[in-house]
Amino acid sequence: MKDPRISIVIPSLNQRAFLERAVGSVLEQDYPHRELIVIDGGSRDGSAELLATLAPHLAFWQSRPDAGPADALRQGCARATGDVLAVLNADDFYLPGALSRMA
């Protein structure tokens, strides 16, 4: 398969201090066939406000209480439409070229 679409799901809860870097590391990738989904568990640290500003660059995002990390992943994966599914924790980031190598 040439140029598979990669879906990246970021589950998050009160990770505002790290979330911008995680999202930015995906958006700065040189691989165009991607979708980014962020599932926030209803953070109270400004995460939702940050995600609202990044919304034009996200395939989907939400900020509401969930049943924990596994539920956030389940919700994100259910929305993913890619050929490849990846999970990025909110306090992690991709190095440049990561998605190209993954593809």
PDB file of N, CA and C in Angstrom:
ATOM      1  N   MET A   1       0.853  -1.179   0.000  1.00  0.00           N
ATOM      2  CA  MET A   1       0.000   0.000   0.000  1.00  0.00           C
ATOM      3  C   MET A   1       0.899   1.243   0.000  1.00  0.00           C
ATOM      4  N   LYS A   2       0.610   2.142  -0.907  1.00  0.00           N
ATOM      5  CA  LYS A   2       1.385   3.377  -0.999  1.00  0.00           C
ATOM      6  C   LYS A   2       0.702   4.482  -0.204  1.00  0.00           C
ATOM      7  N   ASP A   3       1.484   5.201   0.551  1.00  0.00           N
ATOM      8  CA  ASP A   3       1.009   6.339   1.326  1.00  0.00           C
ATOM      9  C   ASP A   3      -0.255   6.035   2.139  1.00  0.00           C
ATOM     10  N   PRO A   4      -0.160   5.125   3.098  1.00  0.00           N
ATOM     11  CA  PRO A   4      -1.340   4.846   3.924  1.00  0.00           C
ATOM     12  C   PRO A   4      -1.716   6.056   4.767  1.00  0.00           C
ATOM     13  N   ARG A   5      -2.973   6.168   5.043  1.00  0.00           N
ATOM     14  CA  ARG A   5      -3.453   7.225   5.939  1.00  0.00           C
ATOM     15  C   ARG A   5      -3.169   6.763   7.366  1.00  0.00           C
ATOM     16  N   ILE A   6      -2.554   7.628   8.151  1.00  0.00           N
ATOM     17  CA  ILE A   6      -2.206   7.293   9.527  1.00  0.00           C
ATOM     18  C   ILE A   6      -3.098   8.093  10.471  1.00  0.00           C
ATOM     19  N   SER A   7      -3.798   7.386  11.339  1.00  0.00           N
ATOM     20  CA  SER A   7      -4.621   8.012  12.376  1.00  0.00           C
ATOM     21  C   SER A   7      -3.838   7.994  13.677  1.00  0.00           C
ATOM     22  N   ILE A   8      -3.699   9.153  14.288  1.00  0.00           N
ATOM     23  CA  ILE A   8      -3.012   9.267  15.571  1.00  0.00           C
ATOM     24  C   ILE A   8      -4.033   9.690  16.610  1.00  0.00           C
ATOM     25  N   VAL A   9      -4.133   8.905  17.675  1.00  0.00           N
ATOM     26  CA  VAL A   9      -5.047   9.200  18.773  1.00  0.00           C
ATOM     27  C   VAL A   9      -4.217   9.630  19.975  1.00  0.00           C
ATOM     28  N   ILE A  10      -4.561  10.791  20.530  1.00  0.00           N
ATOM     29  CA  ILE A  10      -3.911  11.284  21.743  1.00  0.00           C
ATOM     30  C   ILE A  10      -4.960  11.317  22.854  1.00  0.00           C
ATOM     31  N   PRO A  11      -4.849  10.422  23.845  1.00  0.00           N
ATOM     32  CA  PRO A  11      -5.710  10.517  25.021  1.00  0.00           C
ATOM     33  C   PRO A  11      -5.053  11.479  26.018  1.00  0.00           C
ATOM     34  N   SER A  12      -5.859  12.239  26.720  1.00  0.00           N
ATOM     35  CA  SER A  12      -5.280  13.242  27.608  1.00  0.00           C
ATOM     36  C   SER A  12      -6.206  13.535  28.779  1.00  0.00           C
ATOM     37  N   LEU A  13      -5.613  13.856  29.908  1.00  0.00           N
ATOM     38  CA  LEU A  13      -6.346  14.374  31.059  1.00  0.00           C
ATOM     39  C   LEU A  13      -5.392  15.254  31.858  1.00  0.00           C
ATOM     40  N   ASN A  14      -5.717  16.524  31.914  1.00  0.00           N
ATOM     41  CA  ASN A  14      -4.910  17.502  32.655  1.00  0.00           C
ATOM     42  C   ASN A  14      -3.436  17.461  32.247  1.00  0.00           C
ATOM     43  N   GLN A  15      -3.206  17.442  30.956  1.00  0.00           N
ATOM     44  CA  GLN A  15      -1.852  17.404  30.412  1.00  0.00           C
ATOM     45  C   GLN A  15      -1.528  18.665  29.615  1.00  0.00           C
ATOM     46  N   ARG A  16      -2.169  19.773  29.921  1.00  0.00           N
ATOM     47  CA  ARG A  16      -1.987  21.024  29.192  1.00  0.00           C
ATOM     48  C   ARG A  16      -0.510  21.391  29.030  1.00  0.00           C
ATOM     49  N   ALA A  17       0.276  21.135  30.043  1.00  0.00           N
ATOM     50  CA  ALA A  17       1.689  21.500  30.005  1.00  0.00           C
ATOM     51  C   ALA A  17       2.450  20.777  28.893  1.00  0.00           C
ATOM     52  N   PHE A  18       1.947  19.626  28.459  1.00  0.00           N
ATOM     53  CA  PHE A  18       2.627  18.815  27.452  1.00  0.00           C
ATOM     54  C   PHE A  18       1.868  18.719  26.127  1.00  0.00           C
ATOM     55  N   LEU A  19       0.576  18.952  26.171  1.00  0.00           N
ATOM     56  CA  LEU A  19      -0.299  18.682  25.031  1.00  0.00           C
ATOM     57  C   LEU A  19       0.067  19.465  23.780  1.00  0.00           C
ATOM     58  N   GLU A  20       0.433  20.710  23.930  1.00  0.00           N
ATOM     59  CA  GLU A  20       0.772  21.520  22.763  1.00  0.00           C
ATOM     60  C   GLU A  20       1.979  20.934  22.026  1.00  0.00           C
ATOM     61  N   ARG A  21       2.955  20.456  22.758  1.00  0.00           N
ATOM     62  CA  ARG A  21       4.137  19.849  22.123  1.00  0.00           C
ATOM     63  C   ARG A  21       3.763  18.540  21.426  1.00  0.00           C
ATOM     64  N   ALA A  22       2.926  17.741  22.059  1.00  0.00           N
ATOM     65  CA  ALA A  22       2.513  16.473  21.454  1.00  0.00           C
ATOM     66  C   ALA A  22       1.775  16.717  20.137  1.00  0.00           C
ATOM     67  N   VAL A  23       0.785  17.596  20.182  1.00  0.00           N
ATOM     68  CA  VAL A  23       0.014  17.912  18.972  1.00  0.00           C
ATOM     69  C   VAL A  23       0.930  18.534  17.921  1.00  0.00           C
ATOM     70  N   GLY A  24       1.750  19.477  18.326  1.00  0.00           N
ATOM     71  CA  GLY A  24       2.663  20.128  17.392  1.00  0.00           C
ATOM     72  C   GLY A  24       3.601  19.147  16.714  1.00  0.00           C
ATOM     73  N   SER A  25       4.039  18.130  17.451  1.00  0.00           N
ATOM     74  CA  SER A  25       4.960  17.157  16.862  1.00  0.00           C
ATOM     75  C   SER A  25       4.296  16.338  15.760  1.00  0.00           C
ATOM     76  N   VAL A  26       2.982  16.213  15.824  1.00  0.00           N
ATOM     77  CA  VAL A  26       2.247  15.526  14.750  1.00  0.00           C
ATOM     78  C   VAL A  26       2.023  16.486  13.587  1.00  0.00           C
ATOM     79  N   LEU A  27       1.594  17.687  13.895  1.00  0.00           N
ATOM     80  CA  LEU A  27       1.290  18.649  12.837  1.00  0.00           C
ATOM     81  C   LEU A  27       2.527  19.054  12.049  1.00  0.00           C
ATOM     82  N   GLU A  28       3.688  18.979  12.651  1.00  0.00           N
ATOM     83  CA  GLU A  28       4.932  19.362  11.979  1.00  0.00           C
ATOM     84  C   GLU A  28       5.559  18.225  11.163  1.00  0.00           C
ATOM     85  N   GLN A  29       4.933  17.078  11.137  1.00  0.00           N
ATOM     86  CA  GLN A  29       5.461  15.955  10.369  1.00  0.00           C
ATOM     87  C   GLN A  29       5.425  16.269   8.871  1.00  0.00           C
ATOM     88  N   ASP A  30       6.344  15.659   8.135  1.00  0.00           N
ATOM     89  CA  ASP A  30       6.410  15.863   6.684  1.00  0.00           C
ATOM     90  C   ASP A  30       5.528  14.873   5.932  1.00  0.00           C
ATOM     91  N   TYR A  31       4.643  14.206   6.648  1.00  0.00           N
ATOM     92  CA  TYR A  31       3.779  13.197   6.043  1.00  0.00           C
ATOM     93  C   TYR A  31       2.351  13.750   6.001  1.00  0.00           C
ATOM     94  N   PRO A  32       1.796  13.963   4.813  1.00  0.00           N
ATOM     95  CA  PRO A  32       0.506  14.645   4.717  1.00  0.00           C
ATOM     96  C   PRO A  32      -0.728  13.766   4.945  1.00  0.00           C
ATOM     97  N   HIS A  33      -0.595  12.467   4.829  1.00  0.00           N
ATOM     98  CA  HIS A  33      -1.760  11.574   4.907  1.00  0.00           C
ATOM     99  C   HIS A  33      -1.985  11.131   6.354  1.00  0.00           C
ATOM    100  N   ARG A  34      -2.478  12.054   7.144  1.00  0.00           N
ATOM    101  CA  ARG A  34      -2.659  11.776   8.563  1.00  0.00           C
ATOM    102  C   ARG A  34      -3.937  12.429   9.067  1.00  0.00           C
ATOM    103  N   GLU A  35      -4.421  11.890  10.162  1.00  0.00           N
ATOM    104  CA  GLU A  35      -5.510  12.541  10.885  1.00  0.00           C
ATOM    105  C   GLU A  35      -5.157  12.467  12.360  1.00  0.00           C
ATOM    106  N   LEU A  36      -5.453  13.534  13.061  1.00  0.00           N
ATOM    107  CA  LEU A  36      -5.129  13.625  14.476  1.00  0.00           C
ATOM    108  C   LEU A  36      -6.416  13.763  15.273  1.00  0.00           C
ATOM    109  N   ILE A  37      -6.562  12.883  16.244  1.00  0.00           N
ATOM    110  CA  ILE A  37      -7.749  12.832  17.098  1.00  0.00           C
ATOM    111  C   ILE A  37      -7.280  12.983  18.542  1.00  0.00           C
ATOM    112  N   VAL A  38      -7.858  13.939  19.264  1.00  0.00           N
ATOM    113  CA  VAL A  38      -7.498  14.144  20.666  1.00  0.00           C
ATOM    114  C   VAL A  38      -8.746  13.939  21.518  1.00  0.00           C
ATOM    115  N   ILE A  39      -8.645  13.013  22.460  1.00  0.00           N
ATOM    116  CA  ILE A  39      -9.737  12.738  23.385  1.00  0.00           C
ATOM    117  C   ILE A  39      -9.287  13.155  24.775  1.00  0.00           C
ATOM    118  N   ASP A  40      -9.852  14.248  25.257  1.00  0.00           N
ATOM    119  CA  ASP A  40      -9.516  14.786  26.566  1.00  0.00           C
ATOM    120  C   ASP A  40     -10.621  14.417  27.543  1.00  0.00           C
ATOM    121  N   GLY A  41     -10.227  13.955  28.703  1.00  0.00           N
ATOM    122  CA  GLY A  41     -11.196  13.467  29.690  1.00  0.00           C
ATOM    123  C   GLY A  41     -11.854  14.517  30.551  1.00  0.00           C
ATOM    124  N   GLY A  42     -11.987  15.728  30.038  1.00  0.00           N
ATOM    125  CA  GLY A  42     -12.648  16.787  30.799  1.00  0.00           C
ATOM    126  C   GLY A  42     -11.679  17.543  31.686  1.00  0.00           C
ATOM    127  N   SER A  43     -10.501  17.795  31.175  1.00  0.00           N
ATOM    128  CA  SER A  43      -9.454  18.491  31.933  1.00  0.00           C
ATOM    129  C   SER A  43      -9.917  19.839  32.451  1.00  0.00           C
ATOM    130  N   ARG A  44      -9.299  20.242  33.549  1.00  0.00           N
ATOM    131  CA  ARG A  44      -9.592  21.547  34.154  1.00  0.00           C
ATOM    132  C   ARG A  44      -8.332  22.397  34.235  1.00  0.00           C
ATOM    133  N   ASP A  45      -7.433  22.175  33.288  1.00  0.00           N
ATOM    134  CA  ASP A  45      -6.144  22.879  33.318  1.00  0.00           C
ATOM    135  C   ASP A  45      -5.905  23.744  32.084  1.00  0.00           C
ATOM    136  N   GLY A  46      -6.962  23.995  31.303  1.00  0.00           N
ATOM    137  CA  GLY A  46      -6.818  24.796  30.098  1.00  0.00           C
ATOM    138  C   GLY A  46      -6.625  23.975  28.838  1.00  0.00           C
ATOM    139  N   SER A  47      -6.666  22.663  28.957  1.00  0.00           N
ATOM    140  CA  SER A  47      -6.501  21.798  27.785  1.00  0.00           C
ATOM    141  C   SER A  47      -7.585  22.043  26.739  1.00  0.00           C
ATOM    142  N   ALA A  48      -8.819  22.163  27.181  1.00  0.00           N
ATOM    143  CA  ALA A  48      -9.930  22.356  26.236  1.00  0.00           C
ATOM    144  C   ALA A  48      -9.767  23.669  25.469  1.00  0.00           C
ATOM    145  N   GLU A  49      -9.339  24.702  26.145  1.00  0.00           N
ATOM    146  CA  GLU A  49      -9.136  25.989  25.482  1.00  0.00           C
ATOM    147  C   GLU A  49      -8.024  25.891  24.439  1.00  0.00           C
ATOM    148  N   LEU A  50      -6.960  25.177  24.780  1.00  0.00           N
ATOM    149  CA  LEU A  50      -5.876  24.952  23.819  1.00  0.00           C
ATOM    150  C   LEU A  50      -6.385  24.176  22.617  1.00  0.00           C
ATOM    151  N   LEU A  51      -7.116  23.109  22.861  1.00  0.00           N
ATOM    152  CA  LEU A  51      -7.627  22.287  21.762  1.00  0.00           C
ATOM    153  C   LEU A  51      -8.577  23.069  20.868  1.00  0.00           C
ATOM    154  N   ALA A  52      -9.348  23.958  21.456  1.00  0.00           N
ATOM    155  CA  ALA A  52     -10.251  24.785  20.648  1.00  0.00           C
ATOM    156  C   ALA A  52      -9.463  25.651  19.665  1.00  0.00           C
ATOM    157  N   THR A  53      -8.309  26.152  20.080  1.00  0.00           N
ATOM    158  CA  THR A  53      -7.502  26.960  19.161  1.00  0.00           C
ATOM    159  C   THR A  53      -6.846  26.106  18.084  1.00  0.00           C
ATOM    160  N   LEU A  54      -6.606  24.830  18.390  1.00  0.00           N
ATOM    161  CA  LEU A  54      -5.982  23.923  17.423  1.00  0.00           C
ATOM    162  C   LEU A  54      -7.001  23.185  16.561  1.00  0.00           C
ATOM    163  N   ALA A  55      -8.269  23.366  16.846  1.00  0.00           N
ATOM    164  CA  ALA A  55      -9.343  22.622  16.177  1.00  0.00           C
ATOM    165  C   ALA A  55      -9.247  22.585  14.649  1.00  0.00           C
ATOM    166  N   PRO A  56      -8.872  23.673  13.977  1.00  0.00           N
ATOM    167  CA  PRO A  56      -8.804  23.610  12.515  1.00  0.00           C
ATOM    168  C   PRO A  56      -7.797  22.572  11.992  1.00  0.00           C
ATOM    169  N   HIS A  57      -6.875  22.157  12.841  1.00  0.00           N
ATOM    170  CA  HIS A  57      -5.829  21.216  12.426  1.00  0.00           C
ATOM    171  C   HIS A  57      -6.102  19.790  12.886  1.00  0.00           C
ATOM    172  N   LEU A  58      -7.198  19.596  13.624  1.00  0.00           N
ATOM    173  CA  LEU A  58      -7.521  18.289  14.174  1.00  0.00           C
ATOM    174  C   LEU A  58      -8.682  17.669  13.413  1.00  0.00           C
ATOM    175  N   ALA A  59      -8.603  16.363  13.216  1.00  0.00           N
ATOM    176  CA  ALA A  59      -9.726  15.665  12.588  1.00  0.00           C
ATOM    177  C   ALA A  59     -10.916  15.632  13.540  1.00  0.00           C
ATOM    178  N   PHE A  60     -10.615  15.499  14.835  1.00  0.00           N
ATOM    179  CA  PHE A  60     -11.666  15.465  15.850  1.00  0.00           C
ATOM    180  C   PHE A  60     -11.020  15.732  17.199  1.00  0.00           C
ATOM    181  N   TRP A  61     -11.758  16.388  18.069  1.00  0.00           N
ATOM    182  CA  TRP A  61     -11.342  16.525  19.463  1.00  0.00           C
ATOM    183  C   TRP A  61     -12.575  16.675  20.318  1.00  0.00           C
ATOM    184  N   GLN A  62     -12.416  16.287  21.557  1.00  0.00           N
ATOM    185  CA  GLN A  62     -13.476  16.502  22.535  1.00  0.00           C
ATOM    186  C   GLN A  62     -12.844  16.633  23.905  1.00  0.00           C
ATOM    187  N   SER A  63     -13.550  17.294  24.790  1.00  0.00           N
ATOM    188  CA  SER A  63     -13.133  17.408  26.181  1.00  0.00           C
ATOM    189  C   SER A  63     -14.372  17.217  27.031  1.00  0.00           C
ATOM    190  N   ARG A  64     -14.485  16.015  27.575  1.00  0.00           N
ATOM    191  CA  ARG A  64     -15.601  15.681  28.461  1.00  0.00           C
ATOM    192  C   ARG A  64     -15.194  14.480  29.311  1.00  0.00           C
ATOM    193  N   PRO A  65     -15.802  14.333  30.462  1.00  0.00           N
ATOM    194  CA  PRO A  65     -15.444  13.199  31.308  1.00  0.00           C
ATOM    195  C   PRO A  65     -15.624  11.871  30.579  1.00  0.00           C
ATOM    196  N   ASP A  66     -14.691  10.979  30.837  1.00  0.00           N
ATOM    197  CA  ASP A  66     -14.790   9.633  30.290  1.00  0.00           C
ATOM    198  C   ASP A  66     -14.487   8.645  31.412  1.00  0.00           C
ATOM    199  N   ALA A  67     -14.393   7.379  31.071  1.00  0.00           N
ATOM    200  CA  ALA A  67     -14.183   6.335  32.077  1.00  0.00           C
ATOM    201  C   ALA A  67     -12.705   5.976  32.233  1.00  0.00           C
ATOM    202  N   GLY A  68     -11.816   6.879  31.844  1.00  0.00           N
ATOM    203  CA  GLY A  68     -10.393   6.634  32.019  1.00  0.00           C
ATOM    204  C   GLY A  68      -9.647   6.460  30.714  1.00  0.00           C
ATOM    205  N   PRO A  69      -8.349   6.183  30.804  1.00  0.00           N
ATOM    206  CA  PRO A  69      -7.507   6.103  29.610  1.00  0.00           C
ATOM    207  C   PRO A  69      -7.975   5.080  28.572  1.00  0.00           C
ATOM    208  N   ALA A  70      -8.385   3.918  29.010  1.00  0.00           N
ATOM    209  CA  ALA A  70      -8.834   2.889  28.055  1.00  0.00           C
ATOM    210  C   ALA A  70     -10.080   3.351  27.309  1.00  0.00           C
ATOM    211  N   ASP A  71     -10.978   4.030  27.999  1.00  0.00           N
ATOM    212  CA  ASP A  71     -12.181   4.550  27.353  1.00  0.00           C
ATOM    213  C   ASP A  71     -11.833   5.653  26.361  1.00  0.00           C
ATOM    214  N   ALA A  72     -10.891   6.513  26.726  1.00  0.00           N
ATOM    215  CA  ALA A  72     -10.456   7.567  25.804  1.00  0.00           C
ATOM    216  C   ALA A  72      -9.867   6.942  24.538  1.00  0.00           C
ATOM    217  N   LEU A  73      -9.050   5.918  24.695  1.00  0.00           N
ATOM    218  CA  LEU A  73      -8.488   5.231  23.523  1.00  0.00           C
ATOM    219  C   LEU A  73      -9.585   4.586  22.687  1.00  0.00           C
ATOM    220  N   ARG A  74     -10.528   3.954  23.341  1.00  0.00           N
ATOM    221  CA  ARG A  74     -11.635   3.317  22.615  1.00  0.00           C
ATOM    222  C   ARG A  74     -12.395   4.346  21.796  1.00  0.00           C
ATOM    223  N   GLN A  75     -12.691   5.486  22.403  1.00  0.00           N
ATOM    224  CA  GLN A  75     -13.425   6.531  21.684  1.00  0.00           C
ATOM    225  C   GLN A  75     -12.622   7.064  20.501  1.00  0.00           C
ATOM    226  N   GLY A  76     -11.341   7.308  20.714  1.00  0.00           N
ATOM    227  CA  GLY A  76     -10.496   7.819  19.638  1.00  0.00           C
ATOM    228  C   GLY A  76     -10.355   6.821  18.501  1.00  0.00           C
ATOM    229  N   CYS A  77     -10.125   5.565  18.844  1.00  0.00           N
ATOM    230  CA  CYS A  77      -9.969   4.532  17.808  1.00  0.00           C
ATOM    231  C   CYS A  77     -11.259   4.339  17.021  1.00  0.00           C
ATOM    232  N   ALA A  78     -12.391   4.498  17.676  1.00  0.00           N
ATOM    233  CA  ALA A  78     -13.678   4.362  16.983  1.00  0.00           C
ATOM    234  C   ALA A  78     -13.864   5.458  15.936  1.00  0.00           C
ATOM    235  N   ARG A  79     -13.249   6.603  16.121  1.00  0.00           N
ATOM    236  CA  ARG A  79     -13.356   7.714  15.168  1.00  0.00           C
ATOM    237  C   ARG A  79     -12.305   7.654  14.067  1.00  0.00           C
ATOM    238  N   ALA A  80     -11.271   6.879  14.276  1.00  0.00           N
ATOM    239  CA  ALA A  80     -10.153   6.830  13.325  1.00  0.00           C
ATOM    240  C   ALA A  80     -10.584   6.212  11.999  1.00  0.00           C
ATOM    241  N   THR A  81     -10.076   6.788  10.912  1.00  0.00           N
ATOM    242  CA  THR A  81     -10.404   6.289   9.573  1.00  0.00           C
ATOM    243  C   THR A  81      -9.161   5.839   8.807  1.00  0.00           C
ATOM    244  N   GLY A  82      -8.020   5.868   9.444  1.00  0.00           N
ATOM    245  CA  GLY A  82      -6.773   5.560   8.756  1.00  0.00           C
ATOM    246  C   GLY A  82      -6.537   4.082   8.517  1.00  0.00           C
ATOM    247  N   ASP A  83      -5.554   3.818   7.668  1.00  0.00           N
ATOM    248  CA  ASP A  83      -5.108   2.452   7.396  1.00  0.00           C
ATOM    249  C   ASP A  83      -4.193   1.954   8.515  1.00  0.00           C
ATOM    250  N   VAL A  84      -3.537   2.905   9.175  1.00  0.00           N
ATOM    251  CA  VAL A  84      -2.623   2.619  10.277  1.00  0.00           C
ATOM    252  C   VAL A  84      -3.114   3.421  11.473  1.00  0.00           C
ATOM    253  N   LEU A  85      -3.112   2.784  12.637  1.00  0.00           N
ATOM    254  CA  LEU A  85      -3.549   3.447  13.860  1.00  0.00           C
ATOM    255  C   LEU A  85      -2.370   3.569  14.809  1.00  0.00           C
ATOM    256  N   ALA A  86      -2.153   4.775  15.316  1.00  0.00           N
ATOM    257  CA  ALA A  86      -1.076   5.020  16.269  1.00  0.00           C
ATOM    258  C   ALA A  86      -1.641   5.744  17.485  1.00  0.00           C
ATOM    259  N   VAL A  87      -1.022   5.505  18.621  1.00  0.00           N
ATOM    260  CA  VAL A  87      -1.392   6.187  19.855  1.00  0.00           C
ATOM    261  C   VAL A  87      -0.177   6.985  20.324  1.00  0.00           C
ATOM    262  N   LEU A  88      -0.409   8.224  20.663  1.00  0.00           N
ATOM    263  CA  LEU A  88       0.640   9.083  21.200  1.00  0.00           C
ATOM    264  C   LEU A  88       0.145   9.618  22.534  1.00  0.00           C
ATOM    265  N   ASN A  89       0.853   9.322  23.599  1.00  0.00           N
ATOM    266  CA  ASN A  89       0.462   9.861  24.895  1.00  0.00           C
ATOM    267  C   ASN A  89       0.660  11.374  24.889  1.00  0.00           C
ATOM    268  N   ALA A  90      -0.164  12.061  25.646  1.00  0.00           N
ATOM    269  CA  ALA A  90      -0.146  13.526  25.645  1.00  0.00           C
ATOM    270  C   ALA A  90       1.167  14.107  26.148  1.00  0.00           C
ATOM    271  N   ASP A  91       1.936  13.340  26.888  1.00  0.00           N
ATOM    272  CA  ASP A  91       3.218  13.850  27.379  1.00  0.00           C
ATOM    273  C   ASP A  91       4.401  13.322  26.571  1.00  0.00           C
ATOM    274  N   ASP A  92       4.116  12.781  25.381  1.00  0.00           N
ATOM    275  CA  ASP A  92       5.149  12.313  24.463  1.00  0.00           C
ATOM    276  C   ASP A  92       5.110  13.157  23.198  1.00  0.00           C
ATOM    277  N   PHE A  93       6.038  12.904  22.297  1.00  0.00           N
ATOM    278  CA  PHE A  93       6.051  13.625  21.022  1.00  0.00           C
ATOM    279  C   PHE A  93       6.772  12.782  19.992  1.00  0.00           C
ATOM    280  N   TYR A  94       6.496  13.073  18.720  1.00  0.00           N
ATOM    281  CA  TYR A  94       7.174  12.409  17.598  1.00  0.00           C
ATOM    282  C   TYR A  94       8.359  13.246  17.166  1.00  0.00           C
ATOM    283  N   LEU A  95       9.439  12.577  16.830  1.00  0.00           N
ATOM    284  CA  LEU A  95      10.568  13.249  16.219  1.00  0.00           C
ATOM    285  C   LEU A  95      10.252  13.506  14.753  1.00  0.00           C
ATOM    286  N   PRO A  96      10.922  14.460  14.120  1.00  0.00           N
ATOM    287  CA  PRO A  96      10.685  14.712  12.697  1.00  0.00           C
ATOM    288  C   PRO A  96      10.896  13.433  11.875  1.00  0.00           C
ATOM    289  N   GLY A  97      10.008  13.216  10.918  1.00  0.00           N
ATOM    290  CA  GLY A  97      10.107  12.059  10.033  1.00  0.00           C
ATOM    291  C   GLY A  97       9.504  10.789  10.579  1.00  0.00           C
ATOM    292  N   ALA A  98       8.939  10.827  11.776  1.00  0.00           N
ATOM    293  CA  ALA A  98       8.389   9.615  12.400  1.00  0.00           C
ATOM    294  C   ALA A  98       7.265   8.992  11.579  1.00  0.00           C
ATOM    295  N   LEU A  99       6.353   9.803  11.077  1.00  0.00           N
ATOM    296  CA  LEU A  99       5.229   9.243  10.326  1.00  0.00           C
ATOM    297  C   LEU A  99       5.670   8.683   8.981  1.00  0.00           C
ATOM    298  N   SER A 100       6.619   9.307   8.340  1.00  0.00           N
ATOM    299  CA  SER A 100       7.152   8.781   7.079  1.00  0.00           C
ATOM    300  C   SER A 100       7.785   7.413   7.303  1.00  0.00           C
ATOM    301  N   ARG A 101       8.520   7.285   8.400  1.00  0.00           N
ATOM    302  CA  ARG A 101       9.141   6.000   8.715  1.00  0.00           C
ATOM    303  C   ARG A 101       8.071   4.968   9.051  1.00  0.00           C
ATOM    304  N   MET A 102       7.036   5.391   9.752  1.00  0.00           N
ATOM    305  CA  MET A 102       5.944   4.494  10.124  1.00  0.00           C
ATOM    306  C   MET A 102       5.238   3.989   8.867  1.00  0.00           C
ATOM    307  N   ALA A 103       5.033   4.883   7.904  1.00  0.00           N
ATOM    308  CA  ALA A 103       4.329   4.521   6.670  1.00  0.00           C
ATOM    309  C   ALA A 103       5.160   3.519   5.876  1.00  0.00           C
TER     310      ALA A 103
END
